[in-house]
Amino acid sequence: MDYVGNIYRPPSEAQSLLLQVTVGCSHNGCTYCQMYKGERFKPKPWEVVEADIEEARRIGPRFTRLFLCDGDSLILSQKKLEQILRRVQERLPWVERVGTYGDTRSVLRKSVEELSRLRELGLGIVYHGVESGDAETLRRIDKGGTVEECVETAERLRAAGITHSVMVLLGIGGRARSAEHASATAALLTRMQPPFAGALTTTVVPGTPLAEEQARGDFTLPDKLGLLRELRTIVAESDLSATRFSANHASNYLPLRASLPRDKAAVLALLDDVLESGDESRLEPEYLRAL
């Protein structure tokens, strides 16, 4: 397989075949992210993608899921995406689901009809880094999308029958907007009603604009218990009807998985117990945490 640069995928795609169809991220402006820094965004030539699909065919049915890399392959034109998905269907008939990263820019460039066509060709899930429901925080981190656009993105994917997996970042508002970030994120998740939602913990990565803000004293990450209080607010204040919620990413201090609203009371009881005890020994040690 032809891989250019660093390749990233969601944790739930660990057993998926990774097919790189773009290099880098077309936005590449988020202040907290350095995943694609130094990489100029470009679609990969069709001949290269086609050759990778043929290589996967020769390997055989070892993978039933396929993930399109890099950062936002959904930004590709409808024609290009249909070409890729059609070839996957033709040459890799054992692939049951195709996933990709997507965001407000890439989803809202496509109509419900176009997204439905991608779903018919195998696109089953879009992973969307919403990060925050707080408009001020979204502006400060240069996310490239608004709260209302996030809601419209959820509605469009739902109408097309594509599963929507949403990610939010604990701590991304800093101590200064911790409460606002958590409450607004709960409100946004309630409006979006994603089938899957995951909370990750912000890691300040050297060399990013966020790290420069931290060095100047303009950004301070909440402490461990402050991050848990954000998580509690998100769970307590959101009103989700059928969401698989997780906070078990390697970056998190207290891994948990739950079906909301069924497990809401149990999750809140656990968080309250840890917060009231103040016992940080019950949290993941730093050496076990990672991006």
C-alpha atoms as a PDB file:
ATOM      1  CA  MET A   1       0.000   0.000   0.000  1.00  0.00           C
ATOM      2  CA  ASP A   2       1.200   3.487  -0.838  1.00  0.00           C
ATOM      3  CA  TYR A   3       1.230   5.564   2.369  1.00  0.00           C
ATOM      4  CA  VAL A   4       2.484   9.155   2.378  1.00  0.00           C
ATOM      5  CA  GLY A   5       3.294  10.876   5.668  1.00  0.00           C
ATOM      6  CA  ASN A   6       1.726   9.880   8.980  1.00  0.00           C
ATOM      7  CA  ILE A   7      -1.502   7.889   8.763  1.00  0.00           C
ATOM      8  CA  TYR A   8      -4.252   8.397  11.345  1.00  0.00           C
ATOM      9  CA  ARG A   9      -7.555   6.634  11.937  1.00  0.00           C
ATOM     10  CA  PRO A  10     -10.178   6.526  14.719  1.00  0.00           C
ATOM     11  CA  PRO A  11      -9.620   3.906  17.457  1.00  0.00           C
ATOM     12  CA  SER A  12     -12.729   2.023  16.319  1.00  0.00           C
ATOM     13  CA  GLU A  13     -11.131   1.509  12.890  1.00  0.00           C
ATOM     14  CA  ALA A  14      -8.196  -0.441  14.336  1.00  0.00           C
ATOM     15  CA  GLN A  15      -9.159  -3.570  12.393  1.00  0.00           C
ATOM     16  CA  SER A  16      -9.917  -1.749   9.145  1.00  0.00           C
ATOM     17  CA  LEU A  17      -7.983  -1.662   5.901  1.00  0.00           C
ATOM     18  CA  LEU A  18      -6.526   1.850   5.557  1.00  0.00           C
ATOM     19  CA  LEU A  19      -6.802   3.249   2.041  1.00  0.00           C
ATOM     20  CA  GLN A  20      -5.135   6.641   1.689  1.00  0.00           C
ATOM     21  CA  VAL A  21      -6.929   8.720  -0.939  1.00  0.00           C
ATOM     22  CA  THR A  22      -5.747  12.189   0.113  1.00  0.00           C
ATOM     23  CA  VAL A  23      -2.606  13.514   1.758  1.00  0.00           C
ATOM     24  CA  GLY A  24      -2.977  15.918   4.675  1.00  0.00           C
ATOM     25  CA  CYS A  25      -5.940  18.075   5.664  1.00  0.00           C
ATOM     26  CA  SER A  26      -7.525  20.737   3.471  1.00  0.00           C
ATOM     27  CA  HIS A  27      -8.188  23.014   6.478  1.00  0.00           C
ATOM     28  CA  ASN A  28      -5.091  22.272   8.555  1.00  0.00           C
ATOM     29  CA  GLY A  29      -5.688  25.311  10.740  1.00  0.00           C
ATOM     30  CA  CYS A  30      -6.908  23.938  14.088  1.00  0.00           C
ATOM     31  CA  THR A  31      -4.670  25.430  16.775  1.00  0.00           C
ATOM     32  CA  TYR A  32      -4.416  22.226  18.845  1.00  0.00           C
ATOM     33  CA  CYS A  33      -3.539  19.844  16.009  1.00  0.00           C
ATOM     34  CA  GLN A  34      -0.195  18.999  14.447  1.00  0.00           C
ATOM     35  CA  MET A  35      -1.198  15.774  12.735  1.00  0.00           C
ATOM     36  CA  TYR A  36      -0.747  17.146   9.225  1.00  0.00           C
ATOM     37  CA  LYS A  37       1.542  20.121   9.772  1.00  0.00           C
ATOM     38  CA  GLY A  38       4.069  20.407   6.980  1.00  0.00           C
ATOM     39  CA  GLU A  39       1.904  18.353   4.622  1.00  0.00           C
ATOM     40  CA  ARG A  40       0.356  20.157   1.692  1.00  0.00           C
ATOM     41  CA  PHE A  41      -3.142  18.854   1.082  1.00  0.00           C
ATOM     42  CA  LYS A  42      -3.592  17.004  -2.197  1.00  0.00           C
ATOM     43  CA  PRO A  43      -5.740  14.205  -3.597  1.00  0.00           C
ATOM     44  CA  LYS A  44      -3.753  11.118  -4.505  1.00  0.00           C
ATOM     45  CA  PRO A  45      -3.678  10.201  -8.193  1.00  0.00           C
ATOM     46  CA  TRP A  46      -6.358   7.728  -9.245  1.00  0.00           C
ATOM     47  CA  GLU A  47      -3.716   5.346 -10.564  1.00  0.00           C
ATOM     48  CA  VAL A  48      -2.153   5.104  -7.092  1.00  0.00           C
ATOM     49  CA  VAL A  49      -5.501   4.567  -5.345  1.00  0.00           C
ATOM     50  CA  GLU A  50      -6.497   1.981  -7.946  1.00  0.00           C
ATOM     51  CA  ALA A  51      -3.215   0.117  -7.460  1.00  0.00           C
ATOM     52  CA  ASP A  52      -3.756   0.029  -3.685  1.00  0.00           C
ATOM     53  CA  ILE A  53      -7.242  -1.415  -4.144  1.00  0.00           C
ATOM     54  CA  GLU A  54      -5.773  -4.085  -6.403  1.00  0.00           C
ATOM     55  CA  GLU A  55      -3.142  -4.890  -3.784  1.00  0.00           C
ATOM     56  CA  ALA A  56      -5.896  -5.261  -1.196  1.00  0.00           C
ATOM     57  CA  ARG A  57      -7.749  -7.600  -3.567  1.00  0.00           C
ATOM     58  CA  ARG A  58      -4.665  -9.802  -3.833  1.00  0.00           C
ATOM     59  CA  ILE A  59      -4.357  -9.908  -0.040  1.00  0.00           C
ATOM     60  CA  GLY A  60      -7.919 -11.163   0.104  1.00  0.00           C
ATOM     61  CA  PRO A  61     -10.795 -10.864   2.606  1.00  0.00           C
ATOM     62  CA  ARG A  62      -8.773 -10.187   5.760  1.00  0.00           C
ATOM     63  CA  PHE A  63     -10.670  -6.955   6.412  1.00  0.00           C
ATOM     64  CA  THR A  64     -14.431  -6.420   6.362  1.00  0.00           C
ATOM     65  CA  ARG A  65     -14.126  -2.678   6.953  1.00  0.00           C
ATOM     66  CA  LEU A  66     -12.174  -0.015   5.106  1.00  0.00           C
ATOM     67  CA  PHE A  67     -11.207   3.501   6.200  1.00  0.00           C
ATOM     68  CA  LEU A  68     -10.423   6.318   3.784  1.00  0.00           C
ATOM     69  CA  CYS A  69      -7.451   8.420   4.916  1.00  0.00           C
ATOM     70  CA  ASP A  70      -6.278  11.254   5.438  1.00  0.00           C
ATOM     71  CA  GLY A  71      -7.810  14.046   7.460  1.00  0.00           C
ATOM     72  CA  ASP A  72     -10.868  14.829   5.390  1.00  0.00           C
ATOM     73  CA  SER A  73     -11.145  12.632   2.337  1.00  0.00           C
ATOM     74  CA  LEU A  74     -14.849  13.502   2.187  1.00  0.00           C
ATOM     75  CA  ILE A  75     -13.773  16.904   0.821  1.00  0.00           C
ATOM     76  CA  LEU A  76     -13.051  15.179  -2.509  1.00  0.00           C
ATOM     77  CA  SER A  77     -15.461  15.800  -5.351  1.00  0.00           C
ATOM     78  CA  GLN A  78     -18.565  13.661  -5.633  1.00  0.00           C
ATOM     79  CA  LYS A  79     -17.270  12.189  -8.891  1.00  0.00           C
ATOM     80  CA  LYS A  80     -13.949  11.175  -7.331  1.00  0.00           C
ATOM     81  CA  LEU A  81     -15.558   9.646  -4.246  1.00  0.00           C
ATOM     82  CA  GLU A  82     -18.039   7.667  -6.315  1.00  0.00           C
ATOM     83  CA  GLN A  83     -15.186   6.391  -8.466  1.00  0.00           C
ATOM     84  CA  ILE A  84     -13.265   5.190  -5.398  1.00  0.00           C
ATOM     85  CA  LEU A  85     -16.253   3.608  -3.661  1.00  0.00           C
ATOM     86  CA  ARG A  86     -17.465   1.928  -6.829  1.00  0.00           C
ATOM     87  CA  ARG A  87     -14.062   0.340  -7.372  1.00  0.00           C
ATOM     88  CA  VAL A  88     -13.964  -0.846  -3.752  1.00  0.00           C
ATOM     89  CA  GLN A  89     -17.369  -2.485  -4.250  1.00  0.00           C
ATOM     90  CA  GLU A  90     -16.257  -4.121  -7.476  1.00  0.00           C
ATOM     91  CA  ARG A  91     -12.843  -5.377  -6.371  1.00  0.00           C
ATOM     92  CA  LEU A  92     -13.317  -5.864  -2.602  1.00  0.00           C
ATOM     93  CA  PRO A  93     -16.843  -7.292  -2.305  1.00  0.00           C
ATOM     94  CA  TRP A  94     -16.141  -8.530   1.224  1.00  0.00           C
ATOM     95  CA  VAL A  95     -15.873  -4.949   2.560  1.00  0.00           C
ATOM     96  CA  GLU A  96     -19.055  -4.370   4.559  1.00  0.00           C
ATOM     97  CA  ARG A  97     -18.519  -0.742   5.538  1.00  0.00           C
ATOM     98  CA  VAL A  98     -16.382   2.221   4.490  1.00  0.00           C
ATOM     99  CA  GLY A  99     -15.601   5.017   6.952  1.00  0.00           C
ATOM    100  CA  THR A 100     -13.965   8.422   6.690  1.00  0.00           C
ATOM    101  CA  TYR A 101     -13.268  11.588   8.616  1.00  0.00           C
ATOM    102  CA  GLY A 102     -15.566  14.471   7.713  1.00  0.00           C
ATOM    103  CA  ASP A 103     -16.582  17.870   9.026  1.00  0.00           C
ATOM    104  CA  THR A 104     -18.995  20.709   8.383  1.00  0.00           C
ATOM    105  CA  ARG A 105     -17.079  21.894   5.321  1.00  0.00           C
ATOM    106  CA  SER A 106     -16.961  18.537   3.582  1.00  0.00           C
ATOM    107  CA  VAL A 107     -20.453  17.301   4.497  1.00  0.00           C
ATOM    108  CA  LEU A 108     -22.254  20.553   3.700  1.00  0.00           C
ATOM    109  CA  ARG A 109     -20.643  20.731   0.264  1.00  0.00           C
ATOM    110  CA  LYS A 110     -22.785  17.732  -0.645  1.00  0.00           C
ATOM    111  CA  SER A 111     -26.550  17.414  -0.939  1.00  0.00           C
ATOM    112  CA  VAL A 112     -28.573  14.740   0.829  1.00  0.00           C
ATOM    113  CA  GLU A 113     -28.969  13.042  -2.547  1.00  0.00           C
ATOM    114  CA  GLU A 114     -25.210  12.991  -3.109  1.00  0.00           C
ATOM    115  CA  LEU A 115     -24.537  11.682   0.390  1.00  0.00           C
ATOM    116  CA  SER A 116     -27.218   9.031  -0.099  1.00  0.00           C
ATOM    117  CA  ARG A 117     -25.462   7.917  -3.255  1.00  0.00           C
ATOM    118  CA  LEU A 118     -22.192   7.571  -1.301  1.00  0.00           C
ATOM    119  CA  ARG A 119     -24.046   5.502   1.280  1.00  0.00           C
ATOM    120  CA  GLU A 120     -25.399   3.235  -1.480  1.00  0.00           C
ATOM    121  CA  LEU A 121     -21.805   2.755  -2.633  1.00  0.00           C
ATOM    122  CA  GLY A 122     -20.678   1.661   0.820  1.00  0.00           C
ATOM    123  CA  LEU A 123     -19.943   4.782   2.891  1.00  0.00           C
ATOM    124  CA  GLY A 124     -21.381   3.805   6.252  1.00  0.00           C
ATOM    125  CA  ILE A 125     -19.885   6.144   8.857  1.00  0.00           C
ATOM    126  CA  VAL A 126     -18.420   9.652   9.093  1.00  0.00           C
ATOM    127  CA  TYR A 127     -16.222  10.629  12.055  1.00  0.00           C
ATOM    128  CA  HIS A 128     -16.607  14.306  12.905  1.00  0.00           C
ATOM    129  CA  GLY A 129     -14.367  16.236  15.293  1.00  0.00           C
ATOM    130  CA  VAL A 130     -16.854  18.773  16.655  1.00  0.00           C
ATOM    131  CA  GLU A 131     -14.566  19.527  19.644  1.00  0.00           C
ATOM    132  CA  SER A 132     -16.849  22.077  21.356  1.00  0.00           C
ATOM    133  CA  GLY A 133     -20.325  23.533  21.331  1.00  0.00           C
ATOM    134  CA  ASP A 134     -19.032  26.884  22.583  1.00  0.00           C
ATOM    135  CA  ALA A 135     -18.923  29.411  19.741  1.00  0.00           C
ATOM    136  CA  GLU A 136     -16.116  31.417  21.340  1.00  0.00           C
ATOM    137  CA  THR A 137     -13.979  28.310  21.786  1.00  0.00           C
ATOM    138  CA  LEU A 138     -14.599  27.216  18.186  1.00  0.00           C
ATOM    139  CA  ARG A 139     -13.491  30.636  16.988  1.00  0.00           C
ATOM    140  CA  ARG A 140     -10.371  30.641  19.156  1.00  0.00           C
ATOM    141  CA  ILE A 141      -9.203  27.192  18.030  1.00  0.00           C
ATOM    142  CA  ASP A 142      -9.923  28.015  14.369  1.00  0.00           C
ATOM    143  CA  LYS A 143     -12.079  24.938  13.917  1.00  0.00           C
ATOM    144  CA  GLY A 144     -13.524  26.128  10.618  1.00  0.00           C
ATOM    145  CA  GLY A 145     -17.175  25.383  11.423  1.00  0.00           C
ATOM    146  CA  THR A 146     -19.953  26.897  13.498  1.00  0.00           C
ATOM    147  CA  VAL A 147     -22.414  25.426  15.982  1.00  0.00           C
ATOM    148  CA  GLU A 148     -25.287  25.771  13.529  1.00  0.00           C
ATOM    149  CA  GLU A 149     -23.241  24.112  10.791  1.00  0.00           C
ATOM    150  CA  CYS A 150     -22.573  21.179  13.141  1.00  0.00           C
ATOM    151  CA  VAL A 151     -26.310  20.757  13.664  1.00  0.00           C
ATOM    152  CA  GLU A 152     -26.964  20.937   9.918  1.00  0.00           C
ATOM    153  CA  THR A 153     -24.196  18.383   9.310  1.00  0.00           C
ATOM    154  CA  ALA A 154     -25.866  15.944  11.699  1.00  0.00           C
ATOM    155  CA  GLU A 155     -29.241  16.454  10.039  1.00  0.00           C
ATOM    156  CA  ARG A 156     -27.835  15.930   6.560  1.00  0.00           C
ATOM    157  CA  LEU A 157     -25.983  12.728   7.437  1.00  0.00           C
ATOM    158  CA  ARG A 158     -29.053  11.373   9.232  1.00  0.00           C
ATOM    159  CA  ALA A 159     -31.239  12.127   6.204  1.00  0.00           C
ATOM    160  CA  ALA A 160     -28.740  10.277   3.988  1.00  0.00           C
ATOM    161  CA  GLY A 161     -28.665   7.235   6.280  1.00  0.00           C
ATOM    162  CA  ILE A 162     -24.970   7.594   7.154  1.00  0.00           C
ATOM    163  CA  THR A 163     -23.894   6.916  10.749  1.00  0.00           C
ATOM    164  CA  HIS A 164     -22.438   9.964  12.472  1.00  0.00           C
ATOM    165  CA  SER A 165     -19.704   9.579  15.102  1.00  0.00           C
ATOM    166  CA  VAL A 166     -18.942  12.827  16.935  1.00  0.00           C
ATOM    167  CA  MET A 167     -15.826  13.663  18.942  1.00  0.00           C
ATOM    168  CA  VAL A 168     -15.514  16.417  21.559  1.00  0.00           C
ATOM    169  CA  LEU A 169     -12.443  17.615  23.445  1.00  0.00           C
ATOM    170  CA  LEU A 170     -12.376  17.936  27.207  1.00  0.00           C
ATOM    171  CA  GLY A 171     -10.346  20.965  28.243  1.00  0.00           C
ATOM    172  CA  ILE A 172     -10.211  22.697  24.861  1.00  0.00           C
ATOM    173  CA  GLY A 173     -11.859  25.807  26.318  1.00  0.00           C
ATOM    174  CA  GLY A 174      -9.108  26.096  28.913  1.00  0.00           C
ATOM    175  CA  ARG A 175      -9.790  26.993  32.515  1.00  0.00           C
ATOM    176  CA  ALA A 176     -11.178  30.346  31.427  1.00  0.00           C
ATOM    177  CA  ARG A 177     -14.118  28.837  29.534  1.00  0.00           C
ATOM    178  CA  SER A 178     -14.300  25.387  31.067  1.00  0.00           C
ATOM    179  CA  ALA A 179     -17.881  25.737  32.324  1.00  0.00           C
ATOM    180  CA  GLU A 180     -19.137  27.433  29.155  1.00  0.00           C
ATOM    181  CA  HIS A 181     -17.439  24.859  26.946  1.00  0.00           C
ATOM    182  CA  ALA A 182     -18.897  21.899  28.830  1.00  0.00           C
ATOM    183  CA  SER A 183     -22.460  23.228  29.001  1.00  0.00           C
ATOM    184  CA  ALA A 184     -22.493  24.376  25.381  1.00  0.00           C
ATOM    185  CA  THR A 185     -21.077  21.030  24.238  1.00  0.00           C
ATOM    186  CA  ALA A 186     -23.859  19.199  26.082  1.00  0.00           C
ATOM    187  CA  ALA A 187     -26.405  21.453  24.382  1.00  0.00           C
ATOM    188  CA  LEU A 188     -24.882  20.864  20.959  1.00  0.00           C
ATOM    189  CA  LEU A 189     -24.833  17.071  21.390  1.00  0.00           C
ATOM    190  CA  THR A 190     -28.498  17.255  22.388  1.00  0.00           C
ATOM    191  CA  ARG A 191     -29.314  19.102  19.173  1.00  0.00           C
ATOM    192  CA  MET A 192     -27.198  16.774  17.014  1.00  0.00           C
ATOM    193  CA  GLN A 193     -28.325  13.448  18.565  1.00  0.00           C
ATOM    194  CA  PRO A 194     -25.390  11.460  17.137  1.00  0.00           C
ATOM    195  CA  PRO A 195     -25.533   7.639  17.286  1.00  0.00           C
ATOM    196  CA  PHE A 196     -21.955   7.702  18.616  1.00  0.00           C
ATOM    197  CA  ALA A 197     -20.177  10.350  20.666  1.00  0.00           C
ATOM    198  CA  GLY A 198     -16.712  10.263  22.161  1.00  0.00           C
ATOM    199  CA  ALA A 199     -14.946  12.564  24.613  1.00  0.00           C
ATOM    200  CA  LEU A 200     -11.171  12.860  24.270  1.00  0.00           C
ATOM    201  CA  THR A 201      -8.889  14.935  26.474  1.00  0.00           C
ATOM    202  CA  THR A 202      -6.976  17.866  25.031  1.00  0.00           C
ATOM    203  CA  THR A 203      -3.241  17.302  24.865  1.00  0.00           C
ATOM    204  CA  VAL A 204      -1.117  20.389  24.296  1.00  0.00           C
ATOM    205  CA  VAL A 205       1.325  19.330  21.581  1.00  0.00           C
ATOM    206  CA  PRO A 206       4.660  21.154  21.234  1.00  0.00           C
ATOM    207  CA  GLY A 207       4.922  23.263  18.101  1.00  0.00           C
ATOM    208  CA  THR A 208       1.210  24.015  17.820  1.00  0.00           C
ATOM    209  CA  PRO A 209      -0.392  27.459  18.189  1.00  0.00           C
ATOM    210  CA  LEU A 210      -2.120  26.151  21.318  1.00  0.00           C
ATOM    211  CA  ALA A 211       1.282  25.351  22.840  1.00  0.00           C
ATOM    212  CA  GLU A 212       2.370  28.907  22.063  1.00  0.00           C
ATOM    213  CA  GLU A 213      -0.756  30.217  23.803  1.00  0.00           C
ATOM    214  CA  GLN A 214       0.088  28.085  26.810  1.00  0.00           C
ATOM    215  CA  ALA A 215       3.660  29.370  26.882  1.00  0.00           C
ATOM    216  CA  ARG A 216       2.395  32.977  26.845  1.00  0.00           C
ATOM    217  CA  GLY A 217      -0.028  32.247  29.663  1.00  0.00           C
ATOM    218  CA  ASP A 218      -3.058  32.760  27.413  1.00  0.00           C
ATOM    219  CA  PHE A 219      -4.234  29.154  27.777  1.00  0.00           C
ATOM    220  CA  THR A 220      -4.259  26.897  30.824  1.00  0.00           C
ATOM    221  CA  LEU A 221      -5.569  23.363  30.667  1.00  0.00           C
ATOM    222  CA  PRO A 222      -7.943  22.427  33.512  1.00  0.00           C
ATOM    223  CA  ASP A 223      -6.484  20.052  36.070  1.00  0.00           C
ATOM    224  CA  LYS A 224      -7.493  16.382  36.160  1.00  0.00           C
ATOM    225  CA  LEU A 225     -10.552  16.886  38.341  1.00  0.00           C
ATOM    226  CA  GLY A 226     -11.516  19.940  36.308  1.00  0.00           C
ATOM    227  CA  LEU A 227     -11.535  17.779  33.198  1.00  0.00           C
ATOM    228  CA  LEU A 228     -13.737  15.241  34.972  1.00  0.00           C
ATOM    229  CA  ARG A 229     -16.122  18.015  35.974  1.00  0.00           C
ATOM    230  CA  GLU A 230     -16.425  18.928  32.291  1.00  0.00           C
ATOM    231  CA  LEU A 231     -17.185  15.304  31.467  1.00  0.00           C
ATOM    232  CA  ARG A 232     -19.815  15.202  34.194  1.00  0.00           C
ATOM    233  CA  THR A 233     -21.469  18.360  32.857  1.00  0.00           C
ATOM    234  CA  ILE A 234     -21.572  16.965  29.335  1.00  0.00           C
ATOM    235  CA  VAL A 235     -23.207  13.731  30.509  1.00  0.00           C
ATOM    236  CA  ALA A 236     -25.562  15.415  32.991  1.00  0.00           C
ATOM    237  CA  GLU A 237     -26.767  18.270  30.804  1.00  0.00           C
ATOM    238  CA  SER A 238     -27.072  16.447  27.476  1.00  0.00           C
ATOM    239  CA  ASP A 239     -30.419  14.878  26.617  1.00  0.00           C
ATOM    240  CA  LEU A 240     -29.542  12.041  24.259  1.00  0.00           C
ATOM    241  CA  SER A 241     -32.139   9.563  23.065  1.00  0.00           C
ATOM    242  CA  ALA A 242     -29.940   6.742  21.706  1.00  0.00           C
ATOM    243  CA  THR A 243     -26.200   7.431  21.806  1.00  0.00           C
ATOM    244  CA  ARG A 244     -23.269   5.145  22.448  1.00  0.00           C
ATOM    245  CA  PHE A 245     -21.042   7.460  24.516  1.00  0.00           C
ATOM    246  CA  SER A 246     -17.399   6.753  25.239  1.00  0.00           C
ATOM    247  CA  ALA A 247     -14.536   8.398  27.060  1.00  0.00           C
ATOM    248  CA  ASN A 248     -12.140   5.476  26.761  1.00  0.00           C
ATOM    249  CA  HIS A 249      -9.588   7.076  24.446  1.00  0.00           C
ATOM    250  CA  ALA A 250      -5.982   6.745  25.599  1.00  0.00           C
ATOM    251  CA  SER A 251      -5.911  10.470  26.371  1.00  0.00           C
ATOM    252  CA  ASN A 252      -8.587  10.208  29.073  1.00  0.00           C
ATOM    253  CA  TYR A 253      -8.018   9.953  32.813  1.00  0.00           C
ATOM    254  CA  LEU A 254     -11.153   7.925  33.610  1.00  0.00           C
ATOM    255  CA  PRO A 255     -12.083   5.506  30.805  1.00  0.00           C
ATOM    256  CA  LEU A 256     -15.780   4.758  30.456  1.00  0.00           C
ATOM    257  CA  ARG A 257     -18.333   3.556  27.930  1.00  0.00           C
ATOM    258  CA  ALA A 258     -22.068   3.912  28.215  1.00  0.00           C
ATOM    259  CA  SER A 259     -25.348   3.797  26.362  1.00  0.00           C
ATOM    260  CA  LEU A 260     -27.241   7.026  26.951  1.00  0.00           C
ATOM    261  CA  PRO A 261     -29.739   7.621  28.374  1.00  0.00           C
ATOM    262  CA  ARG A 262     -29.860   4.076  29.833  1.00  0.00           C
ATOM    263  CA  ASP A 263     -26.571   4.318  31.756  1.00  0.00           C
ATOM    264  CA  LYS A 264     -26.712   8.025  32.613  1.00  0.00           C
ATOM    265  CA  ALA A 265     -27.371   7.596  36.343  1.00  0.00           C
ATOM    266  CA  ALA A 266     -24.577   5.024  36.713  1.00  0.00           C
ATOM    267  CA  VAL A 267     -22.052   7.211  34.877  1.00  0.00           C
ATOM    268  CA  LEU A 268     -22.923  10.252  36.972  1.00  0.00           C
ATOM    269  CA  ALA A 269     -22.668   8.201  40.169  1.00  0.00           C
ATOM    270  CA  LEU A 270     -19.169   7.042  39.185  1.00  0.00           C
ATOM    271  CA  LEU A 271     -18.032  10.554  38.288  1.00  0.00           C
ATOM    272  CA  ASP A 272     -19.487  12.006  41.479  1.00  0.00           C
ATOM    273  CA  ASP A 273     -17.759   9.343  43.567  1.00  0.00           C
ATOM    274  CA  VAL A 274     -14.364  10.114  42.021  1.00  0.00           C
ATOM    275  CA  LEU A 275     -14.852  13.883  42.199  1.00  0.00           C
ATOM    276  CA  GLU A 276     -16.008  13.820  45.810  1.00  0.00           C
ATOM    277  CA  SER A 277     -13.120  11.599  46.875  1.00  0.00           C
ATOM    278  CA  GLY A 278     -10.555  13.740  45.059  1.00  0.00           C
ATOM    279  CA  ASP A 279      -8.454  10.586  44.833  1.00  0.00           C
ATOM    280  CA  GLU A 280      -6.312  10.957  41.707  1.00  0.00           C
ATOM    281  CA  SER A 281      -4.884   7.463  42.216  1.00  0.00           C
ATOM    282  CA  ARG A 282      -8.142   6.194  40.707  1.00  0.00           C
ATOM    283  CA  LEU A 283      -7.261   7.926  37.440  1.00  0.00           C
ATOM    284  CA  GLU A 284      -5.058   6.723  34.604  1.00  0.00           C
ATOM    285  CA  PRO A 285      -1.374   7.532  35.298  1.00  0.00           C
ATOM    286  CA  GLU A 286       0.342   9.884  32.886  1.00  0.00           C
ATOM    287  CA  TYR A 287       2.605   7.204  31.453  1.00  0.00           C
ATOM    288  CA  LEU A 288      -0.428   5.267  30.177  1.00  0.00           C
ATOM    289  CA  ARG A 289      -1.959   8.259  28.424  1.00  0.00           C
ATOM    290  CA  ALA A 290      -1.334   9.161  24.792  1.00  0.00           C
ATOM    291  CA  LEU A 291      -2.770  11.037  21.863  1.00  0.00           C
END
